[in-house]
Amino acid sequence: MTLFYLCLLLFTLAGILVVCLPWLKKHQSLSANTLSNTGLIKQRLVELHIEQQQGLLSEVDRLQSENELKLALLDEVQDTSRTTSSSKFVLIIGGLISLGVG
């Protein structure tokens, strides 16, 4: 009888690991993507200042481009946080259902 419960525990833990591992990797890759996009936007802001100093852009065009970049970054960060919170909810519900069925 105890061997049965030991096997049940191992299979339950393996199932939880199979469900959670891809989710954790996805969460890490989203964070890395956000960081790299933030770096690209900062680099582009520096480039805009250089282009203005070289006379390629007017100040109005530079300010408009900066505002567009900042809005794009804000939208991306909000989408990432929304996806993360909805994923957690689905993962918790799935885990509870799995434990209930087990």
PDB file of N, CA and C in Angstrom:
ATOM      1  N   MET A   1       0.820  -1.197   0.000  1.00  0.00           N
ATOM      2  CA  MET A   1       0.000   0.000   0.000  1.00  0.00           C
ATOM      3  C   MET A   1       0.860   1.257   0.000  1.00  0.00           C
ATOM      4  N   THR A   2       1.965   1.258   0.742  1.00  0.00           N
ATOM      5  CA  THR A   2       2.811   2.448   0.780  1.00  0.00           C
ATOM      6  C   THR A   2       3.546   2.652  -0.539  1.00  0.00           C
ATOM      7  N   LEU A   3       3.840   1.564  -1.260  1.00  0.00           N
ATOM      8  CA  LEU A   3       4.465   1.693  -2.566  1.00  0.00           C
ATOM      9  C   LEU A   3       3.518   2.409  -3.528  1.00  0.00           C
ATOM     10  N   PHE A   4       2.238   2.113  -3.421  1.00  0.00           N
ATOM     11  CA  PHE A   4       1.239   2.783  -4.255  1.00  0.00           C
ATOM     12  C   PHE A   4       1.250   4.285  -4.016  1.00  0.00           C
ATOM     13  N   TYR A   5       1.256   4.708  -2.764  1.00  0.00           N
ATOM     14  CA  TYR A   5       1.242   6.138  -2.452  1.00  0.00           C
ATOM     15  C   TYR A   5       2.549   6.817  -2.858  1.00  0.00           C
ATOM     16  N   LEU A   6       3.643   6.099  -2.754  1.00  0.00           N
ATOM     17  CA  LEU A   6       4.924   6.645  -3.180  1.00  0.00           C
ATOM     18  C   LEU A   6       4.929   6.876  -4.694  1.00  0.00           C
ATOM     19  N   CYS A   7       4.428   5.899  -5.442  1.00  0.00           N
ATOM     20  CA  CYS A   7       4.332   6.048  -6.900  1.00  0.00           C
ATOM     21  C   CYS A   7       3.366   7.171  -7.271  1.00  0.00           C
ATOM     22  N   LEU A   8       2.265   7.255  -6.557  1.00  0.00           N
ATOM     23  CA  LEU A   8       1.294   8.324  -6.806  1.00  0.00           C
ATOM     24  C   LEU A   8       1.926   9.688  -6.585  1.00  0.00           C
ATOM     25  N   LEU A   9       2.685   9.840  -5.530  1.00  0.00           N
ATOM     26  CA  LEU A   9       3.359  11.100  -5.236  1.00  0.00           C
ATOM     27  C   LEU A   9       4.379  11.446  -6.321  1.00  0.00           C
ATOM     28  N   LEU A  10       5.145  10.457  -6.762  1.00  0.00           N
ATOM     29  CA  LEU A  10       6.145  10.704  -7.802  1.00  0.00           C
ATOM     30  C   LEU A  10       5.499  11.112  -9.120  1.00  0.00           C
ATOM     31  N   PHE A  11       4.425  10.435  -9.501  1.00  0.00           N
ATOM     32  CA  PHE A  11       3.738  10.793 -10.740  1.00  0.00           C
ATOM     33  C   PHE A  11       3.082  12.170 -10.643  1.00  0.00           C
ATOM     34  N   THR A  12       2.549  12.507  -9.488  1.00  0.00           N
ATOM     35  CA  THR A  12       1.950  13.831  -9.306  1.00  0.00           C
ATOM     36  C   THR A  12       3.015  14.916  -9.418  1.00  0.00           C
ATOM     37  N   LEU A  13       4.152  14.707  -8.773  1.00  0.00           N
ATOM     38  CA  LEU A  13       5.235  15.683  -8.868  1.00  0.00           C
ATOM     39  C   LEU A  13       5.769  15.797 -10.288  1.00  0.00           C
ATOM     40  N   ALA A  14       5.864  14.678 -10.990  1.00  0.00           N
ATOM     41  CA  ALA A  14       6.318  14.707 -12.383  1.00  0.00           C
ATOM     42  C   ALA A  14       5.321  15.475 -13.254  1.00  0.00           C
ATOM     43  N   GLY A  15       4.042  15.274 -13.020  1.00  0.00           N
ATOM     44  CA  GLY A  15       3.027  16.006 -13.784  1.00  0.00           C
ATOM     45  C   GLY A  15       3.082  17.499 -13.528  1.00  0.00           C
ATOM     46  N   ILE A  16       3.269  17.873 -12.279  1.00  0.00           N
ATOM     47  CA  ILE A  16       3.374  19.300 -11.954  1.00  0.00           C
ATOM     48  C   ILE A  16       4.610  19.903 -12.610  1.00  0.00           C
ATOM     49  N   LEU A  17       5.708  19.163 -12.607  1.00  0.00           N
ATOM     50  CA  LEU A  17       6.939  19.632 -13.230  1.00  0.00           C
ATOM     51  C   LEU A  17       6.760  19.808 -14.733  1.00  0.00           C
ATOM     52  N   VAL A  18       6.083  18.855 -15.373  1.00  0.00           N
ATOM     53  CA  VAL A  18       5.852  18.935 -16.817  1.00  0.00           C
ATOM     54  C   VAL A  18       5.004  20.158 -17.158  1.00  0.00           C
ATOM     55  N   VAL A  19       4.054  20.491 -16.315  1.00  0.00           N
ATOM     56  CA  VAL A  19       3.186  21.639 -16.574  1.00  0.00           C
ATOM     57  C   VAL A  19       3.908  22.951 -16.280  1.00  0.00           C
ATOM     58  N   CYS A  20       4.663  23.008 -15.193  1.00  0.00           N
ATOM     59  CA  CYS A  20       5.257  24.269 -14.738  1.00  0.00           C
ATOM     60  C   CYS A  20       6.544  24.643 -15.465  1.00  0.00           C
ATOM     61  N   LEU A  21       7.340  23.673 -15.876  1.00  0.00           N
ATOM     62  CA  LEU A  21       8.639  23.966 -16.464  1.00  0.00           C
ATOM     63  C   LEU A  21       8.545  24.839 -17.720  1.00  0.00           C
ATOM     64  N   PRO A  22       7.703  24.528 -18.703  1.00  0.00           N
ATOM     65  CA  PRO A  22       7.612  25.401 -19.882  1.00  0.00           C
ATOM     66  C   PRO A  22       7.124  26.813 -19.523  1.00  0.00           C
ATOM     67  N   TRP A  23       6.235  26.904 -18.559  1.00  0.00           N
ATOM     68  CA  TRP A  23       5.728  28.214 -18.154  1.00  0.00           C
ATOM     69  C   TRP A  23       6.841  29.057 -17.548  1.00  0.00           C
ATOM     70  N   LEU A  24       7.680  28.455 -16.738  1.00  0.00           N
ATOM     71  CA  LEU A  24       8.780  29.188 -16.121  1.00  0.00           C
ATOM     72  C   LEU A  24       9.793  29.641 -17.165  1.00  0.00           C
ATOM     73  N   LYS A  25      10.086  28.797 -18.133  1.00  0.00           N
ATOM     74  CA  LYS A  25      11.018  29.176 -19.196  1.00  0.00           C
ATOM     75  C   LYS A  25      10.445  30.309 -20.038  1.00  0.00           C
ATOM     76  N   LYS A  26       9.158  30.263 -20.308  1.00  0.00           N
ATOM     77  CA  LYS A  26       8.520  31.327 -21.094  1.00  0.00           C
ATOM     78  C   LYS A  26       8.594  32.646 -20.333  1.00  0.00           C
ATOM     79  N   HIS A  27       8.363  32.601 -19.039  1.00  0.00           N
ATOM     80  CA  HIS A  27       8.419  33.811 -18.221  1.00  0.00           C
ATOM     81  C   HIS A  27       9.812  34.423 -18.264  1.00  0.00           C
ATOM     82  N   GLN A  28      10.846  33.598 -18.208  1.00  0.00           N
ATOM     83  CA  GLN A  28      12.218  34.101 -18.260  1.00  0.00           C
ATOM     84  C   GLN A  28      12.533  34.709 -19.618  1.00  0.00           C
ATOM     85  N   SER A  29      12.058  34.092 -20.688  1.00  0.00           N
ATOM     86  CA  SER A  29      12.342  34.631 -22.020  1.00  0.00           C
ATOM     87  C   SER A  29      11.608  35.945 -22.245  1.00  0.00           C
ATOM     88  N   LEU A  30      10.397  36.101 -21.695  1.00  0.00           N
ATOM     89  CA  LEU A  30       9.692  37.369 -21.814  1.00  0.00           C
ATOM     90  C   LEU A  30      10.450  38.484 -21.109  1.00  0.00           C
ATOM     91  N   SER A  31      11.007  38.192 -19.947  1.00  0.00           N
ATOM     92  CA  SER A  31      11.787  39.190 -19.224  1.00  0.00           C
ATOM     93  C   SER A  31      13.023  39.585 -20.017  1.00  0.00           C
ATOM     94  N   ALA A  32      13.685  38.620 -20.620  1.00  0.00           N
ATOM     95  CA  ALA A  32      14.881  38.907 -21.413  1.00  0.00           C
ATOM     96  C   ALA A  32      14.532  39.743 -22.639  1.00  0.00           C
ATOM     97  N   ASN A  33      13.400  39.438 -23.279  1.00  0.00           N
ATOM     98  CA  ASN A  33      12.972  40.215 -24.445  1.00  0.00           C
ATOM     99  C   ASN A  33      12.672  41.655 -24.066  1.00  0.00           C
ATOM    100  N   THR A  34      12.013  41.853 -22.928  1.00  0.00           N
ATOM    101  CA  THR A  34      11.691  43.195 -22.484  1.00  0.00           C
ATOM    102  C   THR A  34      12.962  43.990 -22.209  1.00  0.00           C
ATOM    103  N   LEU A  35      13.947  43.347 -21.574  1.00  0.00           N
ATOM    104  CA  LEU A  35      15.209  44.021 -21.293  1.00  0.00           C
ATOM    105  C   LEU A  35      15.953  44.388 -22.574  1.00  0.00           C
ATOM    106  N   SER A  36      15.965  43.484 -23.550  1.00  0.00           N
ATOM    107  CA  SER A  36      16.671  43.788 -24.793  1.00  0.00           C
ATOM    108  C   SER A  36      15.955  44.885 -25.574  1.00  0.00           C
ATOM    109  N   ASN A  37      14.623  44.888 -25.565  1.00  0.00           N
ATOM    110  CA  ASN A  37      13.882  45.945 -26.245  1.00  0.00           C
ATOM    111  C   ASN A  37      14.093  47.293 -25.565  1.00  0.00           C
ATOM    112  N   THR A  38      14.196  47.296 -24.238  1.00  0.00           N
ATOM    113  CA  THR A  38      14.471  48.527 -23.517  1.00  0.00           C
ATOM    114  C   THR A  38      15.837  49.071 -23.917  1.00  0.00           C
ATOM    115  N   GLY A  39      16.816  48.203 -24.037  1.00  0.00           N
ATOM    116  CA  GLY A  39      18.150  48.630 -24.467  1.00  0.00           C
ATOM    117  C   GLY A  39      18.146  49.205 -25.873  1.00  0.00           C
ATOM    118  N   LEU A  40      17.380  48.572 -26.761  1.00  0.00           N
ATOM    119  CA  LEU A  40      17.291  49.076 -28.135  1.00  0.00           C
ATOM    120  C   LEU A  40      16.641  50.457 -28.177  1.00  0.00           C
ATOM    121  N   ILE A  41      15.627  50.665 -27.363  1.00  0.00           N
ATOM    122  CA  ILE A  41      14.951  51.956 -27.355  1.00  0.00           C
ATOM    123  C   ILE A  41      15.868  53.038 -26.801  1.00  0.00           C
ATOM    124  N   LYS A  42      16.622  52.714 -25.750  1.00  0.00           N
ATOM    125  CA  LYS A  42      17.580  53.687 -25.211  1.00  0.00           C
ATOM    126  C   LYS A  42      18.641  54.037 -26.258  1.00  0.00           C
ATOM    127  N   GLN A  43      19.110  53.037 -26.993  1.00  0.00           N
ATOM    128  CA  GLN A  43      20.092  53.275 -28.038  1.00  0.00           C
ATOM    129  C   GLN A  43      19.508  54.181 -29.125  1.00  0.00           C
ATOM    130  N   ARG A  44      18.264  53.929 -29.482  1.00  0.00           N
ATOM    131  CA  ARG A  44      17.622  54.742 -30.526  1.00  0.00           C
ATOM    132  C   ARG A  44      17.434  56.187 -30.049  1.00  0.00           C
ATOM    133  N   LEU A  45      17.149  56.382 -28.757  1.00  0.00           N
ATOM    134  CA  LEU A  45      17.015  57.741 -28.225  1.00  0.00           C
ATOM    135  C   LEU A  45      18.336  58.501 -28.344  1.00  0.00           C
ATOM    136  N   VAL A  46      19.441  57.826 -28.074  1.00  0.00           N
ATOM    137  CA  VAL A  46      20.761  58.455 -28.223  1.00  0.00           C
ATOM    138  C   VAL A  46      21.007  58.793 -29.693  1.00  0.00           C
ATOM    139  N   GLU A  47      20.629  57.879 -30.577  1.00  0.00           N
ATOM    140  CA  GLU A  47      20.797  58.135 -32.005  1.00  0.00           C
ATOM    141  C   GLU A  47      19.978  59.334 -32.463  1.00  0.00           C
ATOM    142  N   LEU A  48      18.790  59.496 -31.916  1.00  0.00           N
ATOM    143  CA  LEU A  48      17.960  60.645 -32.282  1.00  0.00           C
ATOM    144  C   LEU A  48      18.636  61.957 -31.879  1.00  0.00           C
ATOM    145  N   HIS A  49      19.251  61.982 -30.695  1.00  0.00           N
ATOM    146  CA  HIS A  49      19.969  63.186 -30.258  1.00  0.00           C
ATOM    147  C   HIS A  49      21.150  63.481 -31.192  1.00  0.00           C
ATOM    148  N   ILE A  50      21.860  62.444 -31.594  1.00  0.00           N
ATOM    149  CA  ILE A  50      22.995  62.626 -32.501  1.00  0.00           C
ATOM    150  C   ILE A  50      22.515  63.142 -33.851  1.00  0.00           C
ATOM    151  N   GLU A  51      21.416  62.584 -34.345  1.00  0.00           N
ATOM    152  CA  GLU A  51      20.874  63.026 -35.628  1.00  0.00           C
ATOM    153  C   GLU A  51      20.422  64.478 -35.563  1.00  0.00           C
ATOM    154  N   GLN A  52      19.895  64.891 -34.435  1.00  0.00           N
ATOM    155  CA  GLN A  52      19.492  66.288 -34.294  1.00  0.00           C
ATOM    156  C   GLN A  52      20.725  67.195 -34.281  1.00  0.00           C
ATOM    157  N   GLN A  53      21.780  66.770 -33.583  1.00  0.00           N
ATOM    158  CA  GLN A  53      23.002  67.573 -33.535  1.00  0.00           C
ATOM    159  C   GLN A  53      23.656  67.680 -34.914  1.00  0.00           C
ATOM    160  N   GLN A  54      23.507  66.658 -35.742  1.00  0.00           N
ATOM    161  CA  GLN A  54      24.073  66.672 -37.083  1.00  0.00           C
ATOM    162  C   GLN A  54      23.193  67.435 -38.065  1.00  0.00           C
ATOM    163  N   GLY A  55      22.017  67.831 -37.629  1.00  0.00           N
ATOM    164  CA  GLY A  55      21.121  68.589 -38.493  1.00  0.00           C
ATOM    165  C   GLY A  55      20.226  67.730 -39.359  1.00  0.00           C
ATOM    166  N   LEU A  56      20.188  66.434 -39.117  1.00  0.00           N
ATOM    167  CA  LEU A  56      19.330  65.543 -39.911  1.00  0.00           C
ATOM    168  C   LEU A  56      17.882  65.585 -39.453  1.00  0.00           C
ATOM    169  N   LEU A  57      17.655  65.954 -38.189  1.00  0.00           N
ATOM    170  CA  LEU A  57      16.308  66.023 -37.617  1.00  0.00           C
ATOM    171  C   LEU A  57      16.091  67.393 -36.992  1.00  0.00           C
ATOM    172  N   SER A  58      14.867  67.857 -37.083  1.00  0.00           N
ATOM    173  CA  SER A  58      14.526  69.070 -36.344  1.00  0.00           C
ATOM    174  C   SER A  58      14.167  68.667 -34.913  1.00  0.00           C
ATOM    175  N   GLU A  59      14.103  69.646 -34.027  1.00  0.00           N
ATOM    176  CA  GLU A  59      13.781  69.327 -32.632  1.00  0.00           C
ATOM    177  C   GLU A  59      12.366  68.781 -32.499  1.00  0.00           C
ATOM    178  N   VAL A  60      11.454  69.291 -33.314  1.00  0.00           N
ATOM    179  CA  VAL A  60      10.066  68.815 -33.262  1.00  0.00           C
ATOM    180  C   VAL A  60       9.997  67.346 -33.681  1.00  0.00           C
ATOM    181  N   ASP A  61      10.722  66.999 -34.748  1.00  0.00           N
ATOM    182  CA  ASP A  61      10.726  65.605 -35.207  1.00  0.00           C
ATOM    183  C   ASP A  61      11.358  64.681 -34.170  1.00  0.00           C
ATOM    184  N   ARG A  62      12.436  65.141 -33.522  1.00  0.00           N
ATOM    185  CA  ARG A  62      13.091  64.334 -32.501  1.00  0.00           C
ATOM    186  C   ARG A  62      12.159  64.096 -31.325  1.00  0.00           C
ATOM    187  N   LEU A  63      11.474  65.144 -30.877  1.00  0.00           N
ATOM    188  CA  LEU A  63      10.549  64.992 -29.746  1.00  0.00           C
ATOM    189  C   LEU A  63       9.393  64.062 -30.090  1.00  0.00           C
ATOM    190  N   GLN A  64       8.884  64.182 -31.319  1.00  0.00           N
ATOM    191  CA  GLN A  64       7.797  63.301 -31.746  1.00  0.00           C
ATOM    192  C   GLN A  64       8.271  61.842 -31.789  1.00  0.00           C
ATOM    193  N   SER A  65       9.472  61.619 -32.305  1.00  0.00           N
ATOM    194  CA  SER A  65      10.012  60.260 -32.370  1.00  0.00           C
ATOM    195  C   SER A  65      10.260  59.695 -30.972  1.00  0.00           C
ATOM    196  N   GLU A  66      10.751  60.527 -30.065  1.00  0.00           N
ATOM    197  CA  GLU A  66      10.967  60.079 -28.688  1.00  0.00           C
ATOM    198  C   GLU A  66       9.650  59.677 -28.024  1.00  0.00           C
ATOM    199  N   ASN A  67       8.627  60.475 -28.230  1.00  0.00           N
ATOM    200  CA  ASN A  67       7.317  60.151 -27.651  1.00  0.00           C
ATOM    201  C   ASN A  67       6.769  58.842 -28.203  1.00  0.00           C
ATOM    202  N   GLU A  68       6.936  58.612 -29.504  1.00  0.00           N
ATOM    203  CA  GLU A  68       6.462  57.363 -30.103  1.00  0.00           C
ATOM    204  C   GLU A  68       7.218  56.157 -29.537  1.00  0.00           C
ATOM    205  N   LEU A  69       8.531  56.303 -29.365  1.00  0.00           N
ATOM    206  CA  LEU A  69       9.330  55.205 -28.798  1.00  0.00           C
ATOM    207  C   LEU A  69       8.918  54.906 -27.365  1.00  0.00           C
ATOM    208  N   LYS A  70       8.698  55.950 -26.584  1.00  0.00           N
ATOM    209  CA  LYS A  70       8.305  55.760 -25.189  1.00  0.00           C
ATOM    210  C   LYS A  70       6.925  55.116 -25.083  1.00  0.00           C
ATOM    211  N   LEU A  71       6.005  55.503 -25.963  1.00  0.00           N
ATOM    212  CA  LEU A  71       4.677  54.879 -25.961  1.00  0.00           C
ATOM    213  C   LEU A  71       4.752  53.408 -26.367  1.00  0.00           C
ATOM    214  N   ALA A  72       5.596  53.099 -27.346  1.00  0.00           N
ATOM    215  CA  ALA A  72       5.753  51.705 -27.772  1.00  0.00           C
ATOM    216  C   ALA A  72       6.312  50.855 -26.637  1.00  0.00           C
ATOM    217  N   LEU A  73       7.284  51.396 -25.907  1.00  0.00           N
ATOM    218  CA  LEU A  73       7.854  50.663 -24.778  1.00  0.00           C
ATOM    219  C   LEU A  73       6.819  50.465 -23.685  1.00  0.00           C
ATOM    220  N   LEU A  74       6.026  51.490 -23.411  1.00  0.00           N
ATOM    221  CA  LEU A  74       4.986  51.381 -22.392  1.00  0.00           C
ATOM    222  C   LEU A  74       3.949  50.328 -22.765  1.00  0.00           C
ATOM    223  N   ASP A  75       3.537  50.302 -24.023  1.00  0.00           N
ATOM    224  CA  ASP A  75       2.579  49.288 -24.478  1.00  0.00           C
ATOM    225  C   ASP A  75       3.143  47.883 -24.324  1.00  0.00           C
ATOM    226  N   GLU A  76       4.419  47.729 -24.655  1.00  0.00           N
ATOM    227  CA  GLU A  76       5.036  46.404 -24.561  1.00  0.00           C
ATOM    228  C   GLU A  76       5.123  45.933 -23.111  1.00  0.00           C
ATOM    229  N   VAL A  77       5.496  46.821 -22.209  1.00  0.00           N
ATOM    230  CA  VAL A  77       5.604  46.456 -20.799  1.00  0.00           C
ATOM    231  C   VAL A  77       4.236  46.100 -20.236  1.00  0.00           C
ATOM    232  N   GLN A  78       3.200  46.840 -20.616  1.00  0.00           N
ATOM    233  CA  GLN A  78       1.852  46.544 -20.137  1.00  0.00           C
ATOM    234  C   GLN A  78       1.361  45.210 -20.682  1.00  0.00           C
ATOM    235  N   ASP A  79       1.638  44.905 -21.943  1.00  0.00           N
ATOM    236  CA  ASP A  79       1.228  43.618 -22.517  1.00  0.00           C
ATOM    237  C   ASP A  79       1.911  42.464 -21.810  1.00  0.00           C
ATOM    238  N   THR A  80       3.187  42.633 -21.488  1.00  0.00           N
ATOM    239  CA  THR A  80       3.932  41.587 -20.794  1.00  0.00           C
ATOM    240  C   THR A  80       3.360  41.328 -19.411  1.00  0.00           C
ATOM    241  N   SER A  81       3.034  42.386 -18.679  1.00  0.00           N
ATOM    242  CA  SER A  81       2.497  42.198 -17.324  1.00  0.00           C
ATOM    243  C   SER A  81       1.102  41.591 -17.377  1.00  0.00           C
ATOM    244  N   ARG A  82       0.305  41.945 -18.365  1.00  0.00           N
ATOM    245  CA  ARG A  82      -1.031  41.376 -18.508  1.00  0.00           C
ATOM    246  C   ARG A  82      -0.951  39.884 -18.816  1.00  0.00           C
ATOM    247  N   THR A  83      -0.045  39.502 -19.694  1.00  0.00           N
ATOM    248  CA  THR A  83       0.119  38.098 -20.054  1.00  0.00           C
ATOM    249  C   THR A  83       0.586  37.285 -18.859  1.00  0.00           C
ATOM    250  N   THR A  84       1.502  37.840 -18.080  1.00  0.00           N
ATOM    251  CA  THR A  84       2.036  37.129 -16.921  1.00  0.00           C
ATOM    252  C   THR A  84       0.959  36.878 -15.888  1.00  0.00           C
ATOM    253  N   SER A  85       0.115  37.874 -15.608  1.00  0.00           N
ATOM    254  CA  SER A  85      -0.908  37.695 -14.585  1.00  0.00           C
ATOM    255  C   SER A  85      -1.973  36.696 -15.023  1.00  0.00           C
ATOM    256  N   SER A  86      -2.356  36.697 -16.304  1.00  0.00           N
ATOM    257  CA  SER A  86      -3.355  35.737 -16.765  1.00  0.00           C
ATOM    258  C   SER A  86      -2.774  34.325 -16.796  1.00  0.00           C
ATOM    259  N   SER A  87      -1.486  34.188 -17.082  1.00  0.00           N
ATOM    260  CA  SER A  87      -0.847  32.870 -17.088  1.00  0.00           C
ATOM    261  C   SER A  87      -0.828  32.270 -15.696  1.00  0.00           C
ATOM    262  N   LYS A  88      -0.550  33.088 -14.697  1.00  0.00           N
ATOM    263  CA  LYS A  88      -0.513  32.593 -13.328  1.00  0.00           C
ATOM    264  C   LYS A  88      -1.874  32.046 -12.919  1.00  0.00           C
ATOM    265  N   PHE A  89      -2.932  32.746 -13.284  1.00  0.00           N
ATOM    266  CA  PHE A  89      -4.280  32.312 -12.929  1.00  0.00           C
ATOM    267  C   PHE A  89      -4.592  30.963 -13.563  1.00  0.00           C
ATOM    268  N   VAL A  90      -4.286  30.810 -14.833  1.00  0.00           N
ATOM    269  CA  VAL A  90      -4.552  29.553 -15.538  1.00  0.00           C
ATOM    270  C   VAL A  90      -3.718  28.427 -14.939  1.00  0.00           C
ATOM    271  N   LEU A  91      -2.470  28.705 -14.604  1.00  0.00           N
ATOM    272  CA  LEU A  91      -1.605  27.685 -14.024  1.00  0.00           C
ATOM    273  C   LEU A  91      -2.112  27.231 -12.662  1.00  0.00           C
ATOM    274  N   ILE A  92      -2.555  28.148 -11.842  1.00  0.00           N
ATOM    275  CA  ILE A  92      -3.073  27.797 -10.515  1.00  0.00           C
ATOM    276  C   ILE A  92      -4.340  26.954 -10.632  1.00  0.00           C
ATOM    277  N   ILE A  93      -5.253  27.346 -11.503  1.00  0.00           N
ATOM    278  CA  ILE A  93      -6.496  26.588 -11.693  1.00  0.00           C
ATOM    279  C   ILE A  93      -6.180  25.184 -12.219  1.00  0.00           C
ATOM    280  N   GLY A  94      -5.266  25.092 -13.193  1.00  0.00           N
ATOM    281  CA  GLY A  94      -4.889  23.785 -13.734  1.00  0.00           C
ATOM    282  C   GLY A  94      -4.256  22.894 -12.681  1.00  0.00           C
ATOM    283  N   GLY A  95      -3.424  23.473 -11.839  1.00  0.00           N
ATOM    284  CA  GLY A  95      -2.806  22.697 -10.766  1.00  0.00           C
ATOM    285  C   GLY A  95      -3.814  22.185  -9.766  1.00  0.00           C
ATOM    286  N   LEU A  96      -4.774  23.027  -9.410  1.00  0.00           N
ATOM    287  CA  LEU A  96      -5.810  22.609  -8.463  1.00  0.00           C
ATOM    288  C   LEU A  96      -6.687  21.482  -9.041  1.00  0.00           C
ATOM    289  N   ILE A  97      -7.007  21.606 -10.312  1.00  0.00           N
ATOM    290  CA  ILE A  97      -7.812  20.566 -10.955  1.00  0.00           C
ATOM    291  C   ILE A  97      -7.024  19.249 -11.009  1.00  0.00           C
ATOM    292  N   SER A  98      -5.731  19.350 -11.329  1.00  0.00           N
ATOM    293  CA  SER A  98      -4.897  18.143 -11.385  1.00  0.00           C
ATOM    294  C   SER A  98      -4.816  17.455 -10.028  1.00  0.00           C
ATOM    295  N   LEU A  99      -4.633  18.250  -8.987  1.00  0.00           N
ATOM    296  CA  LEU A  99      -4.580  17.663  -7.653  1.00  0.00           C
ATOM    297  C   LEU A  99      -5.926  17.057  -7.244  1.00  0.00           C
ATOM    298  N   GLY A 100      -7.008  17.723  -7.632  1.00  0.00           N
ATOM    299  CA  GLY A 100      -8.329  17.195  -7.303  1.00  0.00           C
ATOM    300  C   GLY A 100      -8.601  15.873  -8.013  1.00  0.00           C
ATOM    301  N   VAL A 101      -8.214  15.781  -9.272  1.00  0.00           N
ATOM    302  CA  VAL A 101      -8.419  14.549 -10.020  1.00  0.00           C
ATOM    303  C   VAL A 101      -7.517  13.448  -9.474  1.00  0.00           C
ATOM    304  N   GLY A 102      -6.278  13.816  -9.115  1.00  0.00           N
ATOM    305  CA  GLY A 102      -5.332  12.832  -8.571  1.00  0.00           C
ATOM    306  C   GLY A 102      -5.834  12.311  -7.247  1.00  0.00           C
TER     307      GLY A 102
END
